[in-house]
C-alpha atoms as a PDB file:
ATOM      1  CA  MET A   1      65.587   5.544 -23.607  1.00  0.00           C
ATOM      2  CA  LYS A   2      62.182   6.064 -25.160  1.00  0.00           C
ATOM      3  CA  LYS A   3      61.731   2.291 -25.288  1.00  0.00           C
ATOM      4  CA  ASN A   4      62.429   1.990 -21.541  1.00  0.00           C
ATOM      5  CA  ILE A   5      59.807   4.645 -20.731  1.00  0.00           C
ATOM      6  CA  PHE A   6      57.251   2.995 -23.037  1.00  0.00           C
ATOM      7  CA  ILE A   7      57.389  -0.425 -21.261  1.00  0.00           C
ATOM      8  CA  PRO A   8      56.260   0.837 -17.780  1.00  0.00           C
ATOM      9  CA  ILE A   9      53.433   2.790 -19.425  1.00  0.00           C
ATOM     10  CA  VAL A  10      52.164  -0.338 -21.192  1.00  0.00           C
ATOM     11  CA  ILE A  11      52.352  -2.368 -17.960  1.00  0.00           C
ATOM     12  CA  PHE A  12      50.390   0.347 -16.120  1.00  0.00           C
ATOM     13  CA  LEU A  13      47.689   0.451 -18.812  1.00  0.00           C
ATOM     14  CA  LEU A  14      47.319  -3.335 -18.571  1.00  0.00           C
ATOM     15  CA  ILE A  15      47.131  -3.419 -14.777  1.00  0.00           C
ATOM     16  CA  PHE A  16      44.892  -0.336 -14.247  1.00  0.00           C
ATOM     17  CA  PRO A  17      41.712  -1.820 -15.867  1.00  0.00           C
ATOM     18  CA  ILE A  18      42.115  -4.963 -13.724  1.00  0.00           C
ATOM     19  CA  MET A  19      42.412  -2.852 -10.562  1.00  0.00           C
ATOM     20  CA  PHE A  20      39.421  -0.733 -11.617  1.00  0.00           C
ATOM     21  CA  THR A  21      37.156  -3.670 -12.457  1.00  0.00           C
ATOM     22  CA  SER A  22      38.073  -5.545  -9.291  1.00  0.00           C
ATOM     23  CA  GLY A  23      37.156  -2.462  -7.300  1.00  0.00           C
ATOM     24  CA  CYS A  24      33.813  -2.180  -9.097  1.00  0.00           C
ATOM     25  CA  LYS A  25      32.966  -5.819  -8.428  1.00  0.00           C
ATOM     26  CA  LYS A  26      32.663  -5.266  -4.701  1.00  0.00           C
ATOM     27  CA  LYS A  27      29.562  -7.005  -3.513  1.00  0.00           C
ATOM     28  CA  LYS A  28      26.752  -4.941  -2.078  1.00  0.00           C
ATOM     29  CA  LYS A  29      26.365  -5.289   1.642  1.00  0.00           C
ATOM     30  CA  LYS A  30      23.753  -7.881   2.428  1.00  0.00           C
ATOM     31  CA  LEU A  31      21.081  -7.009   4.932  1.00  0.00           C
ATOM     32  CA  SER A  32      21.428  -8.777   8.261  1.00  0.00           C
ATOM     33  CA  PRO A  33      18.876 -11.543   8.978  1.00  0.00           C
ATOM     34  CA  VAL A  34      17.151  -9.212  11.461  1.00  0.00           C
ATOM     35  CA  LYS A  35      16.765  -6.406   8.900  1.00  0.00           C
ATOM     36  CA  GLN A  36      15.456  -8.917   6.353  1.00  0.00           C
ATOM     37  CA  LEU A  37      12.809 -10.309   8.723  1.00  0.00           C
ATOM     38  CA  LEU A  38      11.585  -7.089  10.361  1.00  0.00           C
ATOM     39  CA  PRO A  39       9.893  -5.357   7.385  1.00  0.00           C
ATOM     40  CA  GLY A  40       6.255  -6.347   6.928  1.00  0.00           C
ATOM     41  CA  THR A  41       2.934  -6.024   8.715  1.00  0.00           C
ATOM     42  CA  TRP A  42       2.703  -7.251  12.314  1.00  0.00           C
ATOM     43  CA  TYR A  43      -0.209  -7.311  14.723  1.00  0.00           C
ATOM     44  CA  MET A  44      -1.147  -8.127  18.289  1.00  0.00           C
ATOM     45  CA  SER A  45      -4.396  -7.990  20.221  1.00  0.00           C
ATOM     46  CA  LYS A  46      -5.157  -6.522  23.634  1.00  0.00           C
ATOM     47  CA  GLY A  47      -8.685  -7.405  24.639  1.00  0.00           C
ATOM     48  CA  ARG A  48     -10.910  -5.968  21.904  1.00  0.00           C
ATOM     49  CA  ALA A  49      -8.128  -3.807  20.456  1.00  0.00           C
ATOM     50  CA  TYR A  50      -6.000  -4.835  17.478  1.00  0.00           C
ATOM     51  CA  ILE A  51      -2.689  -3.044  17.018  1.00  0.00           C
ATOM     52  CA  LEU A  52      -1.121  -3.142  13.552  1.00  0.00           C
ATOM     53  CA  LEU A  53       2.564  -2.324  13.081  1.00  0.00           C
ATOM     54  CA  ILE A  54       3.866  -1.832   9.551  1.00  0.00           C
ATOM     55  CA  MET A  55       7.664  -1.934   9.316  1.00  0.00           C
ATOM     56  CA  ARG A  56       9.239  -0.701   6.071  1.00  0.00           C
ATOM     57  CA  PHE A  57      12.633  -1.398   4.518  1.00  0.00           C
ATOM     58  CA  ASP A  58      13.410   2.349   4.350  1.00  0.00           C
ATOM     59  CA  GLY A  59      13.514   2.581   8.149  1.00  0.00           C
ATOM     60  CA  ASN A  60      10.026   4.023   8.628  1.00  0.00           C
ATOM     61  CA  TRP A  61       7.103   2.466  10.486  1.00  0.00           C
ATOM     62  CA  SER A  62       3.403   3.206  11.028  1.00  0.00           C
ATOM     63  CA  SER A  63       0.808   1.815  13.389  1.00  0.00           C
ATOM     64  CA  ASP A  64      -2.967   1.633  13.426  1.00  0.00           C
ATOM     65  CA  VAL A  65      -5.236   0.723  16.345  1.00  0.00           C
ATOM     66  CA  ARG A  66      -8.782  -0.542  15.868  1.00  0.00           C
ATOM     67  CA  LEU A  67     -11.441  -1.697  18.321  1.00  0.00           C
ATOM     68  CA  GLU A  68     -13.539  -4.798  17.792  1.00  0.00           C
ATOM     69  CA  GLY A  69     -17.268  -4.716  18.566  1.00  0.00           C
ATOM     70  CA  ALA A  70     -19.294  -7.421  20.258  1.00  0.00           C
ATOM     71  CA  SER A  71     -20.303  -8.802  16.839  1.00  0.00           C
ATOM     72  CA  SER A  72     -16.639  -9.287  15.814  1.00  0.00           C
ATOM     73  CA  LYS A  73     -16.756  -6.340  13.407  1.00  0.00           C
ATOM     74  CA  ILE A  74     -14.386  -3.407  13.553  1.00  0.00           C
ATOM     75  CA  VAL A  75     -16.550  -0.515  14.691  1.00  0.00           C
ATOM     76  CA  GLU A  76     -14.007   2.133  15.604  1.00  0.00           C
ATOM     77  CA  ARG A  77     -10.578   3.259  14.528  1.00  0.00           C
ATOM     78  CA  LYS A  78      -8.820   4.617  17.576  1.00  0.00           C
ATOM     79  CA  GLY A  79      -5.945   6.347  15.821  1.00  0.00           C
ATOM     80  CA  GLY A  80      -2.507   5.916  14.360  1.00  0.00           C
ATOM     81  CA  ALA A  81       1.167   6.657  14.854  1.00  0.00           C
ATOM     82  CA  SER A  82       4.361   6.736  12.784  1.00  0.00           C
ATOM     83  CA  GLY A  83       8.098   7.158  13.098  1.00  0.00           C
ATOM     84  CA  THR A  84      11.459   5.589  12.287  1.00  0.00           C
ATOM     85  CA  TRP A  85      13.242   2.406  13.360  1.00  0.00           C
ATOM     86  CA  HIS A  86      16.767   1.036  13.460  1.00  0.00           C
ATOM     87  CA  ILE A  87      18.697  -1.853  14.960  1.00  0.00           C
ATOM     88  CA  GLN A  88      21.120  -1.198  17.808  1.00  0.00           C
ATOM     89  CA  GLY A  89      22.961  -4.343  18.823  1.00  0.00           C
ATOM     90  CA  LYS A  90      20.245  -6.837  19.774  1.00  0.00           C
ATOM     91  CA  ASN A  91      17.634  -4.115  20.262  1.00  0.00           C
ATOM     92  CA  LEU A  92      14.936  -2.682  18.034  1.00  0.00           C
ATOM     93  CA  VAL A  93      14.790   1.094  18.496  1.00  0.00           C
ATOM     94  CA  LEU A  94      11.465   2.741  17.636  1.00  0.00           C
ATOM     95  CA  ASN A  95      11.301   6.536  17.462  1.00  0.00           C
ATOM     96  CA  VAL A  96       7.739   7.918  17.626  1.00  0.00           C
ATOM     97  CA  ALA A  97       7.455  11.041  15.445  1.00  0.00           C
ATOM     98  CA  GLU A  98       3.660  11.395  15.214  1.00  0.00           C
ATOM     99  CA  SER A  99       0.925   9.824  17.345  1.00  0.00           C
ATOM    100  CA  LYS A 100      -2.774  10.125  18.051  1.00  0.00           C
ATOM    101  CA  ILE A 101      -2.645   7.236  20.513  1.00  0.00           C
ATOM    102  CA  ASP A 102      -0.236   8.364  23.225  1.00  0.00           C
ATOM    103  CA  GLU A 103      -1.347   5.572  25.566  1.00  0.00           C
ATOM    104  CA  ILE A 104       0.255   3.097  23.136  1.00  0.00           C
ATOM    105  CA  TRP A 105       2.761   5.180  21.169  1.00  0.00           C
ATOM    106  CA  GLU A 106       3.866   8.277  23.093  1.00  0.00           C
ATOM    107  CA  LYS A 107       4.856  11.094  20.724  1.00  0.00           C
ATOM    108  CA  ASN A 108       8.543  12.115  20.598  1.00  0.00           C
ATOM    109  CA  LYS A 109       9.521   9.086  22.648  1.00  0.00           C
ATOM    110  CA  GLU A 110      12.224   6.528  21.868  1.00  0.00           C
ATOM    111  CA  LEU A 111      11.467   2.887  22.661  1.00  0.00           C
ATOM    112  CA  VAL A 112      14.417   0.533  22.995  1.00  0.00           C
ATOM    113  CA  CYS A 113      13.032  -3.013  22.817  1.00  0.00           C
ATOM    114  CA  ALA A 114      15.142  -6.122  23.262  1.00  0.00           C
ATOM    115  CA  ILE A 115      14.530  -8.687  20.514  1.00  0.00           C
ATOM    116  CA  VAL A 116      13.759 -11.923  22.357  1.00  0.00           C
ATOM    117  CA  LYS A 117      12.737 -13.853  19.234  1.00  0.00           C
ATOM    118  CA  LEU A 118      12.310 -12.998  15.572  1.00  0.00           C
ATOM    119  CA  ASP A 119      11.366 -15.314  12.724  1.00  0.00           C
ATOM    120  CA  HIS A 120       8.999 -15.313   9.763  1.00  0.00           C
ATOM    121  CA  ASP A 121       5.889 -15.690  11.954  1.00  0.00           C
ATOM    122  CA  PHE A 122       6.625 -14.106  15.338  1.00  0.00           C
ATOM    123  CA  MET A 123       8.403 -11.066  16.793  1.00  0.00           C
ATOM    124  CA  ILE A 124       8.773 -11.178  20.590  1.00  0.00           C
ATOM    125  CA  LEU A 125       9.965  -7.907  22.155  1.00  0.00           C
ATOM    126  CA  ARG A 126      10.871  -6.978  25.716  1.00  0.00           C
ATOM    127  CA  TYR A 127       9.850  -3.368  26.297  1.00  0.00           C
ATOM    128  CA  PRO A 128      11.705  -0.915  28.600  1.00  0.00           C
ATOM    129  CA  SER A 129       9.086  -1.626  31.306  1.00  0.00           C
ATOM    130  CA  GLY A 130      10.251  -5.251  31.319  1.00  0.00           C
ATOM    131  CA  ARG A 131       6.986  -6.561  29.848  1.00  0.00           C
ATOM    132  CA  VAL A 132       7.204  -8.964  26.923  1.00  0.00           C
ATOM    133  CA  PHE A 133       4.794  -8.745  23.981  1.00  0.00           C
ATOM    134  CA  THR A 134       4.389 -11.075  21.026  1.00  0.00           C
ATOM    135  CA  TRP A 135       3.669  -9.687  17.561  1.00  0.00           C
ATOM    136  CA  LYS A 136       2.364 -11.989  14.821  1.00  0.00           C
ATOM    137  CA  ARG A 137       3.105 -11.436  11.170  1.00  0.00           C
ATOM    138  CA  ALA A 138       0.108 -10.627   9.010  1.00  0.00           C
ATOM    139  CA  GLN A 139      -0.236 -13.239   6.278  1.00  0.00           C
ATOM    140  CA  VAL A 140      -2.513 -13.980   3.366  1.00  0.00           C
ATOM    141  CA  LYS A 141      -4.975 -16.672   4.440  1.00  0.00           C
ATOM    142  CA  LYS A 142      -4.218 -20.004   2.787  1.00  0.00           C
ATOM    143  CA  LYS A 143      -6.831 -22.347   1.376  1.00  0.00           C
ATOM    144  CA  GLY A 144      -8.049 -24.787   3.974  1.00  0.00           C
ATOM    145  CA  GLY A 145      -6.232 -22.847   6.704  1.00  0.00           C
ATOM    146  CA  GLY A 146      -7.639 -21.481   9.918  1.00  0.00           C
ATOM    147  CA  ASP A 147      -8.880 -17.961  10.495  1.00  0.00           C
ATOM    148  CA  LYS A 148      -6.173 -16.890  12.932  1.00  0.00           C
ATOM    149  CA  SER A 149      -4.092 -14.830  10.524  1.00  0.00           C
ATOM    150  CA  ILE A 150      -4.631 -11.339   9.228  1.00  0.00           C
ATOM    151  CA  LYS A 151      -5.154 -10.859   5.507  1.00  0.00           C
ATOM    152  CA  LEU A 152      -2.959  -8.199   3.963  1.00  0.00           C
ATOM    153  CA  ALA A 153      -4.646  -5.074   2.644  1.00  0.00           C
ATOM    154  CA  PRO A 154      -7.118  -6.304  -0.012  1.00  0.00           C
ATOM    155  CA  VAL A 155      -7.589  -4.403  -3.256  1.00  0.00           C
ATOM    156  CA  ILE A 156     -11.022  -3.910  -4.851  1.00  0.00           C
ATOM    157  CA  LYS A 157     -10.806  -3.705  -8.627  1.00  0.00           C
ATOM    158  CA  ILE A 158     -13.807  -1.879 -10.073  1.00  0.00           C
ATOM    159  CA  PRO A 159     -14.903  -1.150 -13.648  1.00  0.00           C
ATOM    160  CA  PRO A 160     -13.656   2.201 -14.959  1.00  0.00           C
ATOM    161  CA  ILE A 161     -15.837   5.285 -14.579  1.00  0.00           C
ATOM    162  CA  VAL A 162     -16.444   7.514 -17.595  1.00  0.00           C
ATOM    163  CA  VAL A 163     -18.318  10.787 -17.132  1.00  0.00           C
ATOM    164  CA  ASN A 164     -19.131  13.797 -19.256  1.00  0.00           C
ATOM    165  CA  LEU A 165     -17.482  16.761 -17.561  1.00  0.00           C
ATOM    166  CA  ASN A 166     -19.658  19.708 -16.602  1.00  0.00           C
ATOM    167  CA  LYS A 167     -19.600  22.800 -18.829  1.00  0.00           C
ATOM    168  CA  ILE A 168     -19.200  26.417 -17.772  1.00  0.00           C
ATOM    169  CA  SER A 169     -20.989  27.630 -20.917  1.00  0.00           C
ATOM    170  CA  SER A 170     -22.943  26.054 -23.739  1.00  0.00           C
ATOM    171  CA  ASN A 171     -20.094  26.894 -26.137  1.00  0.00           C
ATOM    172  CA  ASP A 172     -17.691  24.549 -24.339  1.00  0.00           C
ATOM    173  CA  ILE A 173     -16.897  21.321 -26.131  1.00  0.00           C
ATOM    174  CA  ASP A 174     -17.875  17.962 -24.664  1.00  0.00           C
ATOM    175  CA  ARG A 175     -15.088  16.385 -22.681  1.00  0.00           C
ATOM    176  CA  TYR A 176     -15.072  12.901 -21.140  1.00  0.00           C
ATOM    177  CA  PHE A 177     -13.173  12.134 -17.966  1.00  0.00           C
ATOM    178  CA  CYS A 178     -12.154   8.455 -17.919  1.00  0.00           C
ATOM    179  CA  LEU A 179     -10.858   6.989 -14.676  1.00  0.00           C
ATOM    180  CA  ASP A 180      -9.473   3.494 -14.027  1.00  0.00           C
ATOM    181  CA  MET A 181      -8.801   2.985 -10.322  1.00  0.00           C
ATOM    182  CA  GLU A 182      -8.394   0.440  -7.530  1.00  0.00           C
ATOM    183  CA  LEU A 183      -9.534   0.746  -3.934  1.00  0.00           C
ATOM    184  CA  VAL A 184      -6.903  -0.271  -1.382  1.00  0.00           C
ATOM    185  CA  MET A 185      -8.689  -1.387   1.775  1.00  0.00           C
ATOM    186  CA  ASP A 186      -7.586  -1.737   5.383  1.00  0.00           C
ATOM    187  CA  THR A 187      -5.915  -4.917   6.557  1.00  0.00           C
ATOM    188  CA  LEU A 188      -8.527  -7.539   7.436  1.00  0.00           C
ATOM    189  CA  LEU A 189      -8.518  -8.780  10.999  1.00  0.00           C
ATOM    190  CA  PRO A 190      -9.441 -12.302  12.145  1.00  0.00           C
ATOM    191  CA  GLY A 191     -13.102 -13.068  11.463  1.00  0.00           C
ATOM    192  CA  GLU A 192     -13.610  -9.870   9.441  1.00  0.00           C
ATOM    193  CA  LYS A 193     -15.279 -10.224   6.038  1.00  0.00           C
ATOM    194  CA  PRO A 194     -14.099  -8.197   3.010  1.00  0.00           C
ATOM    195  CA  VAL A 195     -16.104  -5.042   2.285  1.00  0.00           C
ATOM    196  CA  LEU A 196     -18.040  -5.063  -1.000  1.00  0.00           C
ATOM    197  CA  PHE A 197     -18.167  -2.162  -3.452  1.00  0.00           C
ATOM    198  CA  ARG A 198     -21.894  -1.491  -3.473  1.00  0.00           C
ATOM    199  CA  PRO A 199     -23.796   0.168  -6.364  1.00  0.00           C
ATOM    200  CA  GLU A 200     -24.534   3.209  -4.161  1.00  0.00           C
ATOM    201  CA  ALA A 201     -20.805   3.848  -3.888  1.00  0.00           C
ATOM    202  CA  ARG A 202     -20.396   3.836  -7.662  1.00  0.00           C
ATOM    203  CA  GLU A 203     -23.373   6.178  -8.054  1.00  0.00           C
ATOM    204  CA  ALA A 204     -21.874   8.598  -5.519  1.00  0.00           C
ATOM    205  CA  ALA A 205     -18.571   8.551  -7.429  1.00  0.00           C
ATOM    206  CA  ILE A 206     -20.325   9.211 -10.765  1.00  0.00           C
ATOM    207  CA  ILE A 207     -22.361  12.097  -9.344  1.00  0.00           C
ATOM    208  CA  PHE A 208     -19.248  13.726  -7.876  1.00  0.00           C
ATOM    209  CA  LEU A 209     -17.086  13.275 -10.988  1.00  0.00           C
ATOM    210  CA  SER A 210     -19.878  14.508 -13.271  1.00  0.00           C
ATOM    211  CA  SER A 211     -20.010  17.776 -11.344  1.00  0.00           C
ATOM    212  CA  LEU A 212     -16.384  18.580 -12.195  1.00  0.00           C
ATOM    213  CA  ILE A 213     -15.293  20.922 -14.959  1.00  0.00           C
ATOM    214  CA  TYR A 214     -12.248  20.579 -17.212  1.00  0.00           C
ATOM    215  CA  LYS A 215     -10.165  22.898 -15.015  1.00  0.00           C
ATOM    216  CA  ASP A 216     -10.681  20.497 -12.068  1.00  0.00           C
ATOM    217  CA  VAL A 217      -8.877  17.637 -13.817  1.00  0.00           C
ATOM    218  CA  ASN A 218      -6.565  19.147 -16.453  1.00  0.00           C
ATOM    219  CA  THR A 219      -3.329  18.639 -14.472  1.00  0.00           C
ATOM    220  CA  PHE A 220      -1.786  15.829 -12.447  1.00  0.00           C
ATOM    221  CA  ASP A 221      -2.037  17.877  -9.232  1.00  0.00           C
ATOM    222  CA  ALA A 222      -5.697  18.627  -9.940  1.00  0.00           C
ATOM    223  CA  VAL A 223      -6.472  14.918 -10.448  1.00  0.00           C
ATOM    224  CA  ASN A 224      -4.690  14.146  -7.180  1.00  0.00           C
ATOM    225  CA  ILE A 225      -6.936  16.641  -5.343  1.00  0.00           C
ATOM    226  CA  VAL A 226     -10.001  15.015  -6.940  1.00  0.00           C
ATOM    227  CA  LYS A 227      -8.721  11.603  -5.794  1.00  0.00           C
ATOM    228  CA  LYS A 228      -8.460  12.818  -2.172  1.00  0.00           C
ATOM    229  CA  LYS A 229     -12.005  14.197  -2.295  1.00  0.00           C
ATOM    230  CA  LEU A 230     -13.285  10.965  -3.835  1.00  0.00           C
ATOM    231  CA  GLU A 231     -11.674   8.956  -1.017  1.00  0.00           C
ATOM    232  CA  LYS A 232     -13.668  10.975   1.536  1.00  0.00           C
ATOM    233  CA  ILE A 233     -16.887  10.488  -0.445  1.00  0.00           C
ATOM    234  CA  LEU A 234     -16.481   6.715  -0.862  1.00  0.00           C
ATOM    235  CA  ASN A 235     -15.180   5.850   2.601  1.00  0.00           C
ATOM    236  CA  PRO A 236     -18.612   5.922   4.357  1.00  0.00           C
ATOM    237  CA  TYR A 237     -19.969   3.508   1.711  1.00  0.00           C
ATOM    238  CA  LEU A 238     -17.079   1.140   2.502  1.00  0.00           C
ATOM    239  CA  ASP A 239     -17.635   1.032   6.280  1.00  0.00           C
ATOM    240  CA  GLY A 240     -14.730   3.418   6.836  1.00  0.00           C
ATOM    241  CA  SER A 241     -12.269   0.779   5.594  1.00  0.00           C
ATOM    242  CA  LEU A 242     -10.943   2.599   2.520  1.00  0.00           C
ATOM    243  CA  LYS A 243      -7.214   3.187   2.927  1.00  0.00           C
ATOM    244  CA  LYS A 244      -6.541   4.929  -0.363  1.00  0.00           C
ATOM    245  CA  ILE A 245      -7.424   5.070  -4.046  1.00  0.00           C
ATOM    246  CA  THR A 246      -4.797   4.061  -6.597  1.00  0.00           C
ATOM    247  CA  ILE A 247      -5.303   5.567 -10.040  1.00  0.00           C
ATOM    248  CA  LYS A 248      -4.137   3.113 -12.699  1.00  0.00           C
ATOM    249  CA  ASN A 249      -5.103   5.024 -15.846  1.00  0.00           C
ATOM    250  CA  VAL A 250      -6.732   8.365 -16.611  1.00  0.00           C
ATOM    251  CA  LEU A 251      -7.865   9.925 -19.880  1.00  0.00           C
ATOM    252  CA  ILE A 252      -9.529  13.214 -20.833  1.00  0.00           C
ATOM    253  CA  THR A 253     -10.894  13.221 -24.359  1.00  0.00           C
ATOM    254  CA  SER A 254     -13.477  14.972 -26.508  1.00  0.00           C
ATOM    255  CA  SER A 255     -14.064  11.771 -28.496  1.00  0.00           C
ATOM    256  CA  ILE A 256     -16.846   9.511 -27.252  1.00  0.00           C
ATOM    257  CA  ASP A 257     -15.324   6.652 -29.277  1.00  0.00           C
ATOM    258  CA  LYS A 258     -12.045   6.980 -27.355  1.00  0.00           C
ATOM    259  CA  ALA A 259     -14.007   7.061 -24.104  1.00  0.00           C
ATOM    260  CA  ASP A 260     -15.809   3.844 -25.082  1.00  0.00           C
ATOM    261  CA  THR A 261     -12.504   2.201 -26.013  1.00  0.00           C
ATOM    262  CA  PHE A 262     -11.013   3.217 -22.654  1.00  0.00           C
ATOM    263  CA  PHE A 263     -13.956   1.660 -20.803  1.00  0.00           C
ATOM    264  CA  ILE A 264     -13.690  -1.616 -22.746  1.00  0.00           C
ATOM    265  CA  GLU A 265      -9.893  -1.910 -22.451  1.00  0.00           C
ATOM    266  CA  HIS A 266      -9.781  -1.297 -18.697  1.00  0.00           C
ATOM    267  CA  THR A 267     -12.853  -3.218 -17.576  1.00  0.00           C
ATOM    268  CA  PRO A 268     -11.705  -6.170 -15.405  1.00  0.00           C
ATOM    269  CA  LYS A 269     -12.265  -9.485 -17.150  1.00  0.00           C
ATOM    270  CA  VAL A 270     -14.688 -11.777 -15.348  1.00  0.00           C
ATOM    271  CA  PRO A 271     -13.248 -15.314 -15.036  1.00  0.00           C
ATOM    272  CA  VAL A 272     -15.341 -17.845 -16.963  1.00  0.00           C
ATOM    273  CA  SER A 273     -16.357 -20.976 -15.060  1.00  0.00           C
ATOM    274  CA  GLY A 274     -16.108 -24.451 -16.638  1.00  0.00           C
ATOM    275  CA  ASP A 275     -19.835 -24.718 -17.511  1.00  0.00           C
ATOM    276  CA  ASN A 276     -20.043 -21.188 -18.914  1.00  0.00           C
ATOM    277  CA  LYS A 277     -16.859 -21.769 -20.877  1.00  0.00           C
ATOM    278  CA  LYS A 278     -18.355 -24.838 -22.581  1.00  0.00           C
ATOM    279  CA  LYS A 279     -21.524 -22.858 -23.426  1.00  0.00           C
ATOM    280  CA  ALA A 280     -19.429 -20.030 -24.868  1.00  0.00           C
ATOM    281  CA  GLU A 281     -17.433 -22.491 -27.007  1.00  0.00           C
ATOM    282  CA  LYS A 282     -20.644 -24.113 -28.325  1.00  0.00           C
ATOM    283  CA  SER A 283     -22.104 -20.756 -29.265  1.00  0.00           C
END
């Protein structure tokens, strides 16, 4: 009797792992071709206005509108908008949660746009009004290519900044605030040249950071507040094109040797040209 009971138990123990593993091996649902193509940065122009539409995989979107001056330079940012998106049948549904440009994106409105065409380069939508608009995908400009594409948000890598923090009293120890950061700029429009990080901008950053005391930077939240303030200080020096600052590395130390090491380790390496490389090898 015991032997008869034992056999079914063994069979069950052999079959159960197979059932369990087969259940675990279920393939993840693949995104539909539409959901794979939609995310990215799109743009279209209306007269002197450029409208950027950034679609994200998480179902959120944001838009930015800029006006082009007579000299083909962006002279004014008109405003932005944001919200969520989803696919409904053959339609792209855009929900506008926030907007400072109601004439383009009306706040709290739902736009149901029929997808006429969607590929890697173009997104053609028919709006509820019946009008059809063509969005072009923003792409990195290729060598030897034309100037009809938008360059994705460029990043300016700058040498690290090391400052001696201000003291409340003469008894305070010397502390060095070391900051390695990158400047993420706005998307470049056709014919627009990249903004350069001028020496005046670096001087303004050094003056501001040197005025800080240890309490201003001794926590992550405090450093984040400093970053926001620094963005506002630097933006005018960058023609209003600074999108955000990304902090790569930060160090607070009382050792000047450690501060020097930080500066050396995080200073971007300058590529050596062929002629200079030969001179360096000879020396």
